[in-house]
Amino acid sequence: MSEATEDPSNIEFVCPTCGIEDHSDKEPSWFMGKYVKKVFTALNDEKERMWVRVHDITDDGKLVGKLSNDPVHPFDIGCGDSVTLTVDEVIEVLED
């Protein structure tokens, strides 16, 4: 796990289906440098939405980034750790 920590005021709870956006029409390169939100499944099967800053794209079009949140539920990842996700897993994009 990473040593980075997140400001606790950035944590909020939402319903499982609120705020889900469809980004399937976007090319993976469109996400470069952006913060994207993904629903992660915790070790206790709870769902948690967390932000990832995209910094790379794999040869098969997956997004690679660093987790920008400290999980509330038990995970084997933490803020600053590298994660990989597909465009279909993106539920929200924070644009500059």
N, C-alpha and C. Protein backbone atom coordinates (compact mmCIF):
# COMPACT_ATOMS: atom_id res chain seq x y z
N MET A 1 0.83 -1.18 0.00
CA MET A 1 0.00 0.00 0.00
C MET A 1 0.88 1.25 0.00
N SER A 2 0.32 2.29 -0.49
CA SER A 2 1.02 3.55 -0.63
C SER A 2 1.02 4.34 0.68
N GLU A 3 1.96 5.26 0.81
CA GLU A 3 2.04 6.13 1.98
C GLU A 3 1.18 7.38 1.82
N ALA A 4 0.68 7.67 0.62
CA ALA A 4 -0.12 8.86 0.38
C ALA A 4 -1.44 8.75 1.13
N THR A 5 -1.96 9.91 1.59
CA THR A 5 -3.26 9.91 2.26
C THR A 5 -4.15 10.97 1.64
N GLU A 6 -5.41 10.74 1.74
CA GLU A 6 -6.41 11.62 1.17
C GLU A 6 -7.05 12.46 2.27
N ASP A 7 -7.46 13.67 1.93
CA ASP A 7 -8.19 14.54 2.85
C ASP A 7 -9.52 13.87 3.17
N PRO A 8 -9.82 13.60 4.47
CA PRO A 8 -11.07 12.92 4.83
C PRO A 8 -12.33 13.66 4.38
N SER A 9 -12.26 14.95 4.15
CA SER A 9 -13.44 15.69 3.70
C SER A 9 -13.84 15.33 2.27
N ASN A 10 -13.00 14.58 1.57
CA ASN A 10 -13.29 14.17 0.20
C ASN A 10 -14.13 12.89 0.13
N ILE A 11 -14.50 12.33 1.27
CA ILE A 11 -15.24 11.06 1.32
C ILE A 11 -16.73 11.35 1.42
N GLU A 12 -17.50 10.71 0.54
CA GLU A 12 -18.95 10.83 0.61
C GLU A 12 -19.57 9.50 0.22
N PHE A 13 -20.78 9.25 0.66
CA PHE A 13 -21.49 8.02 0.33
C PHE A 13 -22.60 8.34 -0.65
N VAL A 14 -22.77 7.49 -1.66
CA VAL A 14 -23.79 7.71 -2.69
C VAL A 14 -24.53 6.40 -2.95
N CYS A 15 -25.71 6.53 -3.56
CA CYS A 15 -26.45 5.32 -3.90
C CYS A 15 -25.74 4.59 -5.04
N PRO A 16 -25.94 3.29 -5.16
CA PRO A 16 -25.18 2.48 -6.14
C PRO A 16 -25.40 2.86 -7.60
N THR A 17 -26.55 3.46 -7.94
CA THR A 17 -26.83 3.76 -9.34
C THR A 17 -26.81 5.25 -9.67
N CYS A 18 -26.54 6.10 -8.70
CA CYS A 18 -26.54 7.55 -8.94
C CYS A 18 -25.28 7.99 -9.69
N GLY A 19 -25.44 8.91 -10.61
CA GLY A 19 -24.30 9.56 -11.25
C GLY A 19 -23.49 8.72 -12.20
N ILE A 20 -24.05 7.65 -12.74
CA ILE A 20 -23.29 6.83 -13.68
C ILE A 20 -23.41 7.41 -15.08
N GLU A 21 -22.27 7.75 -15.67
CA GLU A 21 -22.22 8.34 -17.01
C GLU A 21 -21.71 7.30 -18.00
N ASP A 22 -22.17 7.39 -19.24
CA ASP A 22 -21.72 6.47 -20.29
C ASP A 22 -20.63 7.14 -21.11
N HIS A 23 -19.43 6.55 -21.12
CA HIS A 23 -18.30 7.09 -21.87
C HIS A 23 -17.81 6.11 -22.92
N SER A 24 -18.67 5.16 -23.30
CA SER A 24 -18.26 4.12 -24.23
C SER A 24 -17.96 4.66 -25.63
N ASP A 25 -18.39 5.89 -25.92
CA ASP A 25 -18.12 6.48 -27.24
C ASP A 25 -16.75 7.15 -27.31
N LYS A 26 -16.03 7.19 -26.21
CA LYS A 26 -14.73 7.87 -26.15
C LYS A 26 -13.59 6.89 -26.43
N GLU A 27 -12.60 7.38 -27.16
CA GLU A 27 -11.37 6.61 -27.37
C GLU A 27 -10.55 6.64 -26.08
N PRO A 28 -9.78 5.60 -25.79
CA PRO A 28 -8.96 5.60 -24.58
C PRO A 28 -8.06 6.83 -24.45
N SER A 29 -7.52 7.33 -25.54
CA SER A 29 -6.62 8.49 -25.48
C SER A 29 -7.31 9.74 -24.94
N TRP A 30 -8.63 9.83 -25.06
CA TRP A 30 -9.39 10.98 -24.55
C TRP A 30 -9.26 11.10 -23.02
N PHE A 31 -9.02 9.98 -22.34
CA PHE A 31 -8.96 9.96 -20.88
C PHE A 31 -7.59 10.33 -20.31
N MET A 32 -6.58 10.43 -21.17
CA MET A 32 -5.22 10.73 -20.69
C MET A 32 -5.19 12.03 -19.88
N GLY A 33 -4.60 11.95 -18.68
CA GLY A 33 -4.45 13.11 -17.81
C GLY A 33 -5.69 13.47 -17.02
N LYS A 34 -6.78 12.79 -17.26
CA LYS A 34 -8.04 13.10 -16.57
C LYS A 34 -8.22 12.21 -15.34
N TYR A 35 -9.05 12.70 -14.42
CA TYR A 35 -9.50 11.89 -13.29
C TYR A 35 -10.76 11.17 -13.72
N VAL A 36 -10.78 9.85 -13.54
CA VAL A 36 -11.96 9.05 -13.85
C VAL A 36 -12.39 8.31 -12.58
N LYS A 37 -13.69 8.08 -12.48
CA LYS A 37 -14.21 7.36 -11.32
C LYS A 37 -14.63 5.96 -11.75
N LYS A 38 -14.30 5.01 -10.89
CA LYS A 38 -14.63 3.59 -11.13
C LYS A 38 -15.23 3.02 -9.85
N VAL A 39 -16.14 2.07 -10.02
CA VAL A 39 -16.68 1.34 -8.87
C VAL A 39 -15.77 0.15 -8.62
N PHE A 40 -15.18 0.11 -7.44
CA PHE A 40 -14.31 -0.99 -7.01
C PHE A 40 -15.08 -1.88 -6.05
N THR A 41 -14.74 -3.16 -6.03
CA THR A 41 -15.34 -4.10 -5.07
C THR A 41 -14.31 -4.39 -3.99
N ALA A 42 -14.71 -4.11 -2.75
CA ALA A 42 -13.82 -4.30 -1.60
C ALA A 42 -13.68 -5.78 -1.26
N LEU A 43 -12.73 -6.08 -0.40
CA LEU A 43 -12.50 -7.46 0.04
C LEU A 43 -13.73 -8.03 0.76
N ASN A 44 -14.57 -7.16 1.33
CA ASN A 44 -15.79 -7.61 2.00
C ASN A 44 -17.01 -7.52 1.08
N ASP A 45 -16.77 -7.37 -0.24
CA ASP A 45 -17.79 -7.30 -1.29
C ASP A 45 -18.59 -5.99 -1.30
N GLU A 46 -18.24 -5.03 -0.48
CA GLU A 46 -18.87 -3.70 -0.55
C GLU A 46 -18.38 -2.99 -1.80
N LYS A 47 -19.21 -2.13 -2.36
CA LYS A 47 -18.84 -1.34 -3.53
C LYS A 47 -18.40 0.05 -3.08
N GLU A 48 -17.34 0.54 -3.73
CA GLU A 48 -16.83 1.87 -3.39
C GLU A 48 -16.37 2.57 -4.66
N ARG A 49 -16.81 3.81 -4.84
CA ARG A 49 -16.41 4.62 -5.99
C ARG A 49 -15.17 5.41 -5.63
N MET A 50 -14.15 5.31 -6.51
CA MET A 50 -12.91 6.03 -6.24
C MET A 50 -12.36 6.63 -7.53
N TRP A 51 -11.61 7.71 -7.38
CA TRP A 51 -11.00 8.42 -8.50
C TRP A 51 -9.65 7.83 -8.85
N VAL A 52 -9.37 7.81 -10.15
CA VAL A 52 -8.10 7.35 -10.70
C VAL A 52 -7.61 8.41 -11.68
N ARG A 53 -6.35 8.82 -11.56
CA ARG A 53 -5.76 9.77 -12.52
C ARG A 53 -5.07 8.96 -13.61
N VAL A 54 -5.59 9.04 -14.84
CA VAL A 54 -5.10 8.23 -15.96
C VAL A 54 -3.78 8.81 -16.48
N HIS A 55 -2.76 7.94 -16.59
CA HIS A 55 -1.45 8.40 -17.08
C HIS A 55 -0.88 7.53 -18.19
N ASP A 56 -1.59 6.45 -18.55
CA ASP A 56 -1.07 5.59 -19.60
C ASP A 56 -2.22 4.77 -20.18
N ILE A 57 -1.96 4.19 -21.35
CA ILE A 57 -2.92 3.31 -22.01
C ILE A 57 -2.16 2.07 -22.47
N THR A 58 -2.73 0.90 -22.20
CA THR A 58 -2.08 -0.34 -22.62
C THR A 58 -2.30 -0.55 -24.12
N ASP A 59 -1.56 -1.49 -24.69
CA ASP A 59 -1.69 -1.80 -26.12
C ASP A 59 -3.10 -2.26 -26.49
N ASP A 60 -3.80 -2.85 -25.52
CA ASP A 60 -5.17 -3.31 -25.81
C ASP A 60 -6.24 -2.30 -25.37
N GLY A 61 -5.83 -1.04 -25.10
CA GLY A 61 -6.79 0.04 -24.86
C GLY A 61 -7.27 0.21 -23.44
N LYS A 62 -6.64 -0.45 -22.47
CA LYS A 62 -7.02 -0.26 -21.07
C LYS A 62 -6.36 1.00 -20.53
N LEU A 63 -7.04 1.63 -19.58
CA LEU A 63 -6.53 2.83 -18.93
C LEU A 63 -5.71 2.44 -17.72
N VAL A 64 -4.57 3.09 -17.53
CA VAL A 64 -3.70 2.85 -16.38
C VAL A 64 -3.57 4.17 -15.64
N GLY A 65 -3.72 4.11 -14.33
CA GLY A 65 -3.60 5.33 -13.55
C GLY A 65 -3.28 5.05 -12.10
N LYS A 66 -3.22 6.13 -11.33
CA LYS A 66 -2.95 6.04 -9.89
C LYS A 66 -4.23 6.32 -9.12
N LEU A 67 -4.51 5.49 -8.13
CA LEU A 67 -5.67 5.68 -7.29
C LEU A 67 -5.51 6.99 -6.51
N SER A 68 -6.55 7.80 -6.51
CA SER A 68 -6.48 9.12 -5.86
C SER A 68 -7.30 9.19 -4.58
N ASN A 69 -7.76 8.06 -4.07
CA ASN A 69 -8.54 8.01 -2.84
C ASN A 69 -7.95 6.99 -1.88
N ASP A 70 -8.20 7.21 -0.60
CA ASP A 70 -7.96 6.19 0.41
C ASP A 70 -9.27 5.44 0.58
N PRO A 71 -9.29 4.14 0.36
CA PRO A 71 -10.54 3.39 0.50
C PRO A 71 -11.08 3.43 1.93
N VAL A 72 -12.42 3.42 2.02
CA VAL A 72 -13.09 3.33 3.32
C VAL A 72 -13.22 1.87 3.71
N HIS A 73 -13.55 1.03 2.73
CA HIS A 73 -13.71 -0.41 2.95
C HIS A 73 -12.36 -1.11 2.81
N PRO A 74 -12.24 -2.36 3.27
CA PRO A 74 -10.96 -3.07 3.17
C PRO A 74 -10.62 -3.43 1.71
N PHE A 75 -9.46 -2.97 1.27
CA PHE A 75 -8.93 -3.25 -0.06
C PHE A 75 -7.47 -3.65 0.07
N ASP A 76 -6.93 -4.23 -0.99
CA ASP A 76 -5.50 -4.51 -1.03
C ASP A 76 -4.77 -3.44 -1.84
N ILE A 77 -5.43 -2.30 -2.08
CA ILE A 77 -4.83 -1.14 -2.75
C ILE A 77 -5.10 0.10 -1.91
N GLY A 78 -4.31 1.14 -2.16
CA GLY A 78 -4.49 2.39 -1.44
C GLY A 78 -4.16 3.57 -2.32
N CYS A 79 -4.35 4.76 -1.78
CA CYS A 79 -4.08 6.00 -2.51
C CYS A 79 -2.66 5.99 -3.06
N GLY A 80 -2.53 6.28 -4.36
CA GLY A 80 -1.23 6.31 -5.00
C GLY A 80 -0.84 5.02 -5.70
N ASP A 81 -1.58 3.95 -5.45
CA ASP A 81 -1.28 2.67 -6.10
C ASP A 81 -1.75 2.68 -7.55
N SER A 82 -1.08 1.91 -8.39
CA SER A 82 -1.42 1.80 -9.80
C SER A 82 -2.62 0.87 -9.98
N VAL A 83 -3.57 1.29 -10.83
CA VAL A 83 -4.73 0.46 -11.16
C VAL A 83 -4.96 0.50 -12.68
N THR A 84 -5.58 -0.54 -13.19
CA THR A 84 -5.92 -0.64 -14.60
C THR A 84 -7.42 -0.83 -14.71
N LEU A 85 -8.05 -0.15 -15.67
CA LEU A 85 -9.48 -0.26 -15.87
C LEU A 85 -9.82 -0.11 -17.34
N THR A 86 -11.01 -0.53 -17.71
CA THR A 86 -11.46 -0.39 -19.08
C THR A 86 -12.31 0.88 -19.20
N VAL A 87 -12.48 1.35 -20.43
CA VAL A 87 -13.33 2.52 -20.67
C VAL A 87 -14.74 2.25 -20.17
N ASP A 88 -15.24 1.03 -20.33
CA ASP A 88 -16.59 0.68 -19.89
C ASP A 88 -16.75 0.77 -18.37
N GLU A 89 -15.67 0.72 -17.61
CA GLU A 89 -15.74 0.81 -16.15
C GLU A 89 -15.77 2.25 -15.65
N VAL A 90 -15.53 3.22 -16.52
CA VAL A 90 -15.54 4.63 -16.13
C VAL A 90 -16.98 5.08 -15.94
N ILE A 91 -17.31 5.58 -14.74
CA ILE A 91 -18.67 6.04 -14.47
C ILE A 91 -18.76 7.56 -14.38
N GLU A 92 -17.62 8.23 -14.31
CA GLU A 92 -17.61 9.70 -14.23
C GLU A 92 -16.22 10.19 -14.63
N VAL A 93 -16.17 11.38 -15.22
CA VAL A 93 -14.91 11.99 -15.61
C VAL A 93 -14.89 13.40 -15.07
N LEU A 94 -13.78 13.75 -14.42
CA LEU A 94 -13.58 15.11 -13.93
C LEU A 94 -12.71 15.82 -14.96
N GLU A 95 -13.29 16.80 -15.63
CA GLU A 95 -12.56 17.51 -16.67
C GLU A 95 -12.09 18.86 -16.11
N ASP A 96 -10.92 19.29 -16.63
CA ASP A 96 -10.37 20.59 -16.18
C ASP A 96 -11.23 21.73 -16.64
